[in-house]
N, C-alpha and C. Protein backbone atom coordinates (compact mmCIF):
# COMPACT_ATOMS: atom_id res chain seq x y z
N MET A 1 101.96 -13.72 131.14
CA MET A 1 102.85 -14.59 130.43
C MET A 1 103.80 -13.80 129.55
N GLY A 2 103.39 -12.76 128.95
CA GLY A 2 104.28 -11.97 128.11
C GLY A 2 104.09 -12.28 126.63
N ILE A 3 104.91 -11.64 125.83
CA ILE A 3 104.85 -11.83 124.38
C ILE A 3 105.54 -13.14 124.02
N CYS A 4 104.93 -13.89 123.12
CA CYS A 4 105.50 -15.17 122.69
C CYS A 4 106.08 -15.03 121.28
N MET A 5 107.18 -15.72 121.06
CA MET A 5 107.81 -15.73 119.75
C MET A 5 107.87 -17.18 119.28
N LYS A 6 107.47 -17.42 118.06
CA LYS A 6 107.58 -18.76 117.51
C LYS A 6 108.99 -18.96 116.99
N THR A 7 109.49 -20.17 117.19
CA THR A 7 110.82 -20.50 116.69
C THR A 7 110.86 -21.98 116.38
N THR A 8 111.86 -22.39 115.65
CA THR A 8 112.03 -23.80 115.30
C THR A 8 113.35 -24.28 115.88
N ILE A 9 113.32 -25.46 116.47
CA ILE A 9 114.57 -26.04 116.98
C ILE A 9 114.71 -27.45 116.42
N ASP A 10 115.95 -27.85 116.19
CA ASP A 10 116.23 -29.22 115.77
C ASP A 10 116.79 -29.96 116.97
N ILE A 11 116.16 -31.08 117.32
CA ILE A 11 116.66 -31.92 118.40
C ILE A 11 116.69 -33.36 117.91
N THR A 12 117.49 -34.16 118.55
CA THR A 12 117.60 -35.56 118.14
C THR A 12 116.30 -36.30 118.43
N ASP A 13 116.08 -37.35 117.65
CA ASP A 13 114.87 -38.16 117.83
C ASP A 13 114.81 -38.75 119.23
N SER A 14 115.96 -39.22 119.73
CA SER A 14 115.96 -39.86 121.05
C SER A 14 115.60 -38.86 122.15
N LEU A 15 116.06 -37.62 122.01
CA LEU A 15 115.73 -36.60 123.01
C LEU A 15 114.24 -36.27 122.96
N LEU A 16 113.70 -36.18 121.76
CA LEU A 16 112.27 -35.91 121.61
C LEU A 16 111.43 -37.05 122.20
N MET A 17 111.87 -38.28 122.00
CA MET A 17 111.14 -39.43 122.55
C MET A 17 111.14 -39.37 124.08
N GLU A 18 112.30 -39.02 124.67
CA GLU A 18 112.36 -38.87 126.14
C GLU A 18 111.43 -37.76 126.59
N ALA A 19 111.44 -36.65 125.86
CA ALA A 19 110.58 -35.51 126.21
C ALA A 19 109.11 -35.91 126.14
N LYS A 20 108.75 -36.70 125.14
CA LYS A 20 107.35 -37.13 125.00
C LYS A 20 106.92 -37.98 126.18
N LYS A 21 107.83 -38.81 126.68
CA LYS A 21 107.51 -39.63 127.86
C LYS A 21 107.25 -38.75 129.08
N VAL A 22 108.10 -37.74 129.26
CA VAL A 22 107.92 -36.81 130.38
C VAL A 22 106.61 -36.03 130.19
N MET A 23 106.35 -35.60 128.98
CA MET A 23 105.13 -34.85 128.70
C MET A 23 103.89 -35.67 129.05
N ALA A 24 103.90 -36.95 128.69
CA ALA A 24 102.74 -37.80 128.98
C ALA A 24 102.61 -38.04 130.48
N ARG A 25 103.74 -38.29 131.13
CA ARG A 25 103.72 -38.59 132.56
C ARG A 25 103.27 -37.38 133.37
N GLU A 26 103.70 -36.18 132.96
CA GLU A 26 103.41 -34.97 133.72
C GLU A 26 102.27 -34.14 133.13
N SER A 27 101.62 -34.66 132.12
CA SER A 27 100.52 -33.94 131.45
C SER A 27 100.92 -32.51 131.12
N THR A 28 102.00 -32.38 130.38
CA THR A 28 102.49 -31.05 130.01
C THR A 28 102.74 -31.01 128.51
N THR A 29 103.19 -29.88 128.03
CA THR A 29 103.46 -29.70 126.61
C THR A 29 104.96 -29.58 126.37
N LEU A 30 105.35 -29.76 125.11
CA LEU A 30 106.75 -29.59 124.76
C LEU A 30 107.18 -28.14 125.03
N ARG A 31 106.29 -27.22 124.72
CA ARG A 31 106.60 -25.81 124.97
C ARG A 31 106.92 -25.58 126.45
N ALA A 32 106.07 -26.10 127.34
CA ALA A 32 106.29 -25.91 128.78
C ALA A 32 107.59 -26.57 129.23
N LEU A 33 107.87 -27.75 128.68
CA LEU A 33 109.08 -28.47 129.05
C LEU A 33 110.33 -27.71 128.59
N VAL A 34 110.30 -27.20 127.37
CA VAL A 34 111.43 -26.42 126.84
C VAL A 34 111.61 -25.14 127.64
N GLU A 35 110.51 -24.43 127.94
CA GLU A 35 110.61 -23.19 128.71
C GLU A 35 111.18 -23.44 130.10
N GLU A 36 110.71 -24.50 130.75
CA GLU A 36 111.22 -24.83 132.09
C GLU A 36 112.71 -25.13 132.04
N SER A 37 113.12 -25.92 131.05
CA SER A 37 114.53 -26.28 130.92
C SER A 37 115.39 -25.05 130.64
N LEU A 38 114.91 -24.18 129.77
CA LEU A 38 115.65 -22.95 129.47
C LEU A 38 115.77 -22.06 130.70
N ARG A 39 114.68 -21.93 131.46
CA ARG A 39 114.73 -21.10 132.68
C ARG A 39 115.76 -21.65 133.67
N GLU A 40 115.76 -22.97 133.86
CA GLU A 40 116.72 -23.58 134.80
C GLU A 40 118.15 -23.36 134.33
N THR A 41 118.39 -23.57 133.05
CA THR A 41 119.74 -23.40 132.50
C THR A 41 120.19 -21.95 132.60
N LEU A 42 119.33 -21.03 132.23
CA LEU A 42 119.68 -19.61 132.29
C LEU A 42 119.91 -19.16 133.73
N SER A 43 119.14 -19.69 134.65
CA SER A 43 119.31 -19.35 136.06
C SER A 43 120.68 -19.79 136.56
N ARG A 44 121.09 -20.99 136.17
CA ARG A 44 122.42 -21.48 136.57
C ARG A 44 123.52 -20.59 135.99
N HIS A 45 123.34 -20.17 134.76
CA HIS A 45 124.35 -19.31 134.12
C HIS A 45 124.41 -17.94 134.79
N ARG A 46 123.25 -17.42 135.18
CA ARG A 46 123.22 -16.11 135.86
C ARG A 46 123.91 -16.21 137.21
N ALA A 47 123.66 -17.29 137.90
CA ALA A 47 124.24 -17.46 139.23
C ALA A 47 125.75 -17.68 139.14
N GLY A 48 126.22 -18.08 137.98
CA GLY A 48 127.64 -18.37 137.84
C GLY A 48 127.93 -19.73 138.46
N SER A 49 129.01 -20.28 138.03
CA SER A 49 129.36 -21.58 138.59
C SER A 49 130.10 -21.34 139.90
N THR A 50 129.46 -21.70 140.97
CA THR A 50 130.08 -21.52 142.28
C THR A 50 130.96 -22.71 142.59
N PHE A 51 132.15 -22.42 143.03
CA PHE A 51 133.11 -23.47 143.37
C PHE A 51 132.85 -23.93 144.79
N LYS A 52 132.78 -25.21 144.98
CA LYS A 52 132.58 -25.75 146.31
C LYS A 52 133.76 -26.66 146.62
N LEU A 53 134.50 -26.29 147.63
CA LEU A 53 135.66 -27.07 148.03
C LEU A 53 135.19 -28.32 148.75
N ARG A 54 135.70 -29.45 148.29
CA ARG A 54 135.29 -30.69 148.95
C ARG A 54 135.90 -30.76 150.34
N ARG A 55 135.22 -31.44 151.23
CA ARG A 55 135.71 -31.60 152.59
C ARG A 55 136.93 -32.51 152.56
N ALA A 56 138.04 -32.02 153.06
CA ALA A 56 139.28 -32.79 153.03
C ALA A 56 139.83 -33.00 154.43
N ALA A 57 138.98 -32.90 155.42
CA ALA A 57 139.41 -33.08 156.80
C ALA A 57 139.70 -34.56 157.06
N PHE A 58 140.56 -34.80 158.00
CA PHE A 58 140.86 -36.17 158.39
C PHE A 58 141.13 -36.19 159.88
N ARG A 59 141.05 -37.36 160.44
CA ARG A 59 141.30 -37.49 161.87
C ARG A 59 142.80 -37.60 162.10
N GLY A 60 143.27 -36.85 163.03
CA GLY A 60 144.69 -36.88 163.34
C GLY A 60 144.92 -36.20 164.67
N LYS A 61 146.16 -36.07 165.01
CA LYS A 61 146.51 -35.46 166.30
C LYS A 61 147.27 -34.16 166.09
N GLY A 62 147.02 -33.52 164.95
CA GLY A 62 147.68 -32.25 164.70
C GLY A 62 149.07 -32.44 164.13
N LEU A 63 149.88 -31.42 164.28
CA LEU A 63 151.25 -31.46 163.75
C LEU A 63 152.10 -32.44 164.55
N GLN A 64 153.10 -32.96 163.87
CA GLN A 64 154.08 -33.79 164.56
C GLN A 64 154.79 -32.92 165.58
N PRO A 65 155.25 -33.51 166.68
CA PRO A 65 155.85 -32.73 167.77
C PRO A 65 156.94 -31.75 167.32
N GLU A 66 157.79 -32.17 166.37
CA GLU A 66 158.89 -31.28 165.95
C GLU A 66 158.41 -30.05 165.19
N PHE A 67 157.16 -30.04 164.74
CA PHE A 67 156.64 -28.89 164.00
C PHE A 67 155.67 -28.03 164.81
N ARG A 68 155.30 -28.46 165.98
CA ARG A 68 154.38 -27.67 166.81
C ARG A 68 155.07 -26.37 167.23
N GLY A 69 154.42 -25.27 166.93
CA GLY A 69 154.98 -23.97 167.27
C GLY A 69 156.01 -23.46 166.29
N ALA A 70 156.30 -24.24 165.24
CA ALA A 70 157.32 -23.84 164.26
C ALA A 70 156.75 -22.80 163.29
N GLN A 71 157.63 -22.02 162.71
CA GLN A 71 157.25 -21.05 161.69
C GLN A 71 156.93 -21.78 160.38
N TRP A 72 156.05 -21.18 159.58
CA TRP A 72 155.65 -21.81 158.33
C TRP A 72 156.84 -22.08 157.42
N ASP A 73 157.81 -21.19 157.38
CA ASP A 73 158.98 -21.37 156.51
C ASP A 73 159.70 -22.68 156.80
N SER A 74 159.86 -23.00 158.07
CA SER A 74 160.58 -24.24 158.42
C SER A 74 159.72 -25.48 158.12
N ILE A 75 158.41 -25.37 158.29
CA ILE A 75 157.53 -26.50 157.95
C ILE A 75 157.56 -26.74 156.44
N ARG A 76 157.48 -25.66 155.68
CA ARG A 76 157.53 -25.76 154.22
C ARG A 76 158.86 -26.32 153.75
N ALA A 77 159.94 -25.85 154.32
CA ALA A 77 161.27 -26.35 153.94
C ALA A 77 161.38 -27.85 154.20
N ALA A 78 160.85 -28.31 155.32
CA ALA A 78 160.90 -29.74 155.64
C ALA A 78 160.04 -30.54 154.67
N ALA A 79 158.90 -29.98 154.28
CA ALA A 79 158.01 -30.69 153.36
C ALA A 79 158.65 -30.87 151.99
N TYR A 80 159.45 -29.90 151.57
CA TYR A 80 160.08 -29.96 150.26
C TYR A 80 161.51 -30.50 150.31
N ASP A 81 161.99 -30.83 151.47
CA ASP A 81 163.37 -31.32 151.62
C ASP A 81 163.58 -32.56 150.74
N GLY A 82 164.51 -32.44 149.81
CA GLY A 82 164.80 -33.54 148.91
C GLY A 82 163.86 -33.65 147.72
N HIS A 83 162.90 -32.72 147.60
CA HIS A 83 161.93 -32.78 146.51
C HIS A 83 161.97 -31.52 145.64
N GLY A 84 162.99 -30.73 145.75
CA GLY A 84 163.05 -29.48 144.99
C GLY A 84 162.19 -28.43 145.65
N GLY A 85 162.24 -27.24 145.14
CA GLY A 85 161.39 -26.17 145.67
C GLY A 85 162.05 -25.48 146.77
């Protein structure tokens, strides 16, 4: 288990009441609950926040006929035509 250090924390009454319910339901201690929560939080911070791009695919038939085989510059120019850029 390692060396233990005693410390004091201030938490809201409502959070403590929720913790007590979990402690009773899971037959655990506040110490174990706090340690588990800290480990999970620290693990997420170590891993860093990974960005996940949402799926943005849609059903379609590809590019419109006038853009098939076109260079990106001409597609971009058409997209911004009349909109600046």
